[in-house]
């Protein structure tokens, strides 16, 4: 299952992405927010998504805030979470092949809808390489 959430700064982009991916029949679960709250705090949206991702190794998450850093830092405070802040397709792909990232963090103020859509599509369609060197490095975490 794929989960998505944002704070107020990522709210508009999140909603556009949810609508698009539902139109193309991607099973995506929107964890909110469901209304724009100008002074909300990103950690309040990270925790529920992290909990869902941790329920199964097959689950993935997408978090969006203004610059992506806040949600990335908050998500990575949790064991077994490998959140990656990506701003282009090449970087997102690398985060999957090399680091087996399970949460993708996006910077709403620095990418447009089309770029976000392409980054997510690339990230979701890229498998972990399972190369020995990457497995070794991940085991040290």
Protein backbone atom coordinates (compact mmCIF):
# COMPACT_ATOMS: atom_id res chain seq x y z
CA UNK A 1 0.00 0.00 0.00
CA UNK A 2 1.12 3.54 -0.70
CA UNK A 3 0.37 6.25 1.86
CA UNK A 4 0.63 10.00 1.37
CA UNK A 5 0.46 12.96 3.75
CA UNK A 6 1.58 16.58 4.00
CA UNK A 7 1.43 19.66 6.10
CA UNK A 8 -0.17 22.96 5.02
CA UNK A 9 2.73 23.81 2.70
CA UNK A 10 2.33 20.55 0.81
CA UNK A 11 -1.47 20.41 0.98
CA UNK A 12 -2.20 21.67 -2.53
CA UNK A 13 0.43 19.47 -4.19
CA UNK A 14 -0.67 16.42 -2.18
CA UNK A 15 -4.27 16.82 -3.27
CA UNK A 16 -3.32 17.18 -6.93
CA UNK A 17 -1.15 14.05 -6.69
CA UNK A 18 -3.85 12.02 -4.93
CA UNK A 19 -6.41 12.97 -7.57
CA UNK A 20 -4.03 12.17 -10.41
CA UNK A 21 -2.92 8.79 -9.06
CA UNK A 22 -6.51 7.75 -8.33
CA UNK A 23 -7.43 8.64 -11.94
CA UNK A 24 -4.69 6.32 -13.21
CA UNK A 25 -5.79 3.58 -10.78
CA UNK A 26 -2.86 3.69 -8.39
CA UNK A 27 -4.03 2.52 -4.99
CA UNK A 28 -2.96 5.44 -2.79
CA UNK A 29 -4.21 6.08 0.74
CA UNK A 30 -4.44 9.75 1.71
CA UNK A 31 -3.76 10.20 5.43
CA UNK A 32 -4.52 13.92 5.36
CA UNK A 33 -4.76 16.63 6.10
CA UNK A 34 -8.18 16.88 4.48
CA UNK A 35 -8.53 20.61 4.98
CA UNK A 36 -6.02 23.43 4.78
CA UNK A 37 -4.81 24.46 8.24
CA UNK A 38 -2.37 27.35 7.91
CA UNK A 39 -0.55 26.80 11.22
CA UNK A 40 -0.41 23.02 11.37
CA UNK A 41 2.83 21.20 12.22
CA UNK A 42 4.43 18.61 9.94
CA UNK A 43 5.37 16.17 12.76
CA UNK A 44 1.66 15.61 13.37
CA UNK A 45 1.33 14.13 9.86
CA UNK A 46 4.60 12.22 9.76
CA UNK A 47 3.85 9.87 12.67
CA UNK A 48 0.64 8.31 11.28
CA UNK A 49 2.31 7.72 7.91
CA UNK A 50 5.42 6.21 9.50
CA UNK A 51 3.22 3.87 11.53
CA UNK A 52 1.48 2.67 8.36
CA UNK A 53 4.77 2.14 6.50
CA UNK A 54 6.11 0.11 9.43
CA UNK A 55 3.10 -2.25 9.32
CA UNK A 56 4.51 -4.07 6.29
CA UNK A 57 7.77 -4.13 4.36
CA UNK A 58 5.65 -3.75 1.21
CA UNK A 59 4.22 -0.40 2.32
CA UNK A 60 5.61 2.89 1.02
CA UNK A 61 5.01 6.49 2.05
CA UNK A 62 5.14 9.92 0.47
CA UNK A 63 5.50 13.03 2.64
CA UNK A 64 5.34 16.61 1.42
CA UNK A 65 6.21 19.88 3.14
CA UNK A 66 7.62 23.24 2.07
CA UNK A 67 11.24 22.17 1.53
CA UNK A 68 10.94 18.46 2.34
CA UNK A 69 13.55 18.63 5.08
CA UNK A 70 11.22 18.74 8.08
CA UNK A 71 9.24 15.65 7.10
CA UNK A 72 12.44 13.87 6.12
CA UNK A 73 14.11 14.52 9.47
CA UNK A 74 10.98 13.55 11.40
CA UNK A 75 10.46 10.31 9.45
CA UNK A 76 14.08 9.22 9.78
CA UNK A 77 13.89 9.38 13.58
CA UNK A 78 12.14 5.99 13.40
CA UNK A 79 13.93 2.66 13.23
CA UNK A 80 13.48 0.83 9.91
CA UNK A 81 12.49 4.01 8.11
CA UNK A 82 14.69 5.10 5.25
CA UNK A 83 13.19 8.38 4.11
CA UNK A 84 14.72 10.12 1.12
CA UNK A 85 14.31 13.77 0.18
CA UNK A 86 14.28 13.83 -3.61
CA UNK A 87 13.87 16.62 -6.12
CA UNK A 88 14.35 14.77 -9.41
CA UNK A 89 13.81 11.35 -10.93
CA UNK A 90 17.48 10.34 -11.00
CA UNK A 91 17.88 11.03 -7.30
CA UNK A 92 14.64 9.22 -6.40
CA UNK A 93 15.75 6.19 -8.42
CA UNK A 94 19.10 6.14 -6.64
CA UNK A 95 17.38 6.30 -3.25
CA UNK A 96 15.54 3.09 -4.13
CA UNK A 97 18.34 1.13 -5.86
CA UNK A 98 21.04 1.95 -3.34
CA UNK A 99 19.22 2.69 -0.07
CA UNK A 100 15.89 0.85 -0.37
CA UNK A 101 14.08 4.02 0.70
CA UNK A 102 10.57 3.35 1.94
CA UNK A 103 9.42 6.95 2.31
CA UNK A 104 9.80 9.64 -0.34
CA UNK A 105 9.88 13.25 0.86
CA UNK A 106 9.11 16.04 -1.57
CA UNK A 107 9.74 19.81 -1.39
CA UNK A 108 6.47 21.46 -2.51
CA UNK A 109 8.03 24.92 -2.90
CA UNK A 110 10.78 23.65 -5.20
CA UNK A 111 9.02 21.29 -7.63
CA UNK A 112 5.89 21.52 -9.75
CA UNK A 113 3.09 18.97 -9.99
CA UNK A 114 4.49 17.40 -13.18
CA UNK A 115 7.94 16.99 -11.62
CA UNK A 116 6.45 15.52 -8.42
CA UNK A 117 4.35 13.08 -10.46
CA UNK A 118 7.42 11.94 -12.41
CA UNK A 119 9.55 11.61 -9.27
CA UNK A 120 6.91 9.50 -7.54
CA UNK A 121 6.35 7.30 -10.58
CA UNK A 122 10.08 6.67 -10.92
CA UNK A 123 10.45 5.98 -7.21
CA UNK A 124 7.53 3.56 -7.10
CA UNK A 125 8.74 1.66 -10.17
CA UNK A 126 12.35 1.29 -9.06
CA UNK A 127 13.27 -1.85 -7.12
CA UNK A 128 16.04 -2.12 -4.55
CA UNK A 129 19.17 -3.53 -6.21
CA UNK A 130 19.95 -5.98 -3.37
CA UNK A 131 23.64 -5.71 -4.20
CA UNK A 132 25.90 -7.00 -1.46
CA UNK A 133 27.47 -3.59 -0.79
CA UNK A 134 24.04 -1.99 -0.31
CA UNK A 135 22.80 -4.82 1.91
CA UNK A 136 25.97 -4.54 3.98
CA UNK A 137 25.54 -0.81 4.43
CA UNK A 138 21.87 -1.08 5.34
CA UNK A 139 22.64 -3.79 7.89
CA UNK A 140 24.89 -1.31 9.70
CA UNK A 141 21.92 0.96 10.31
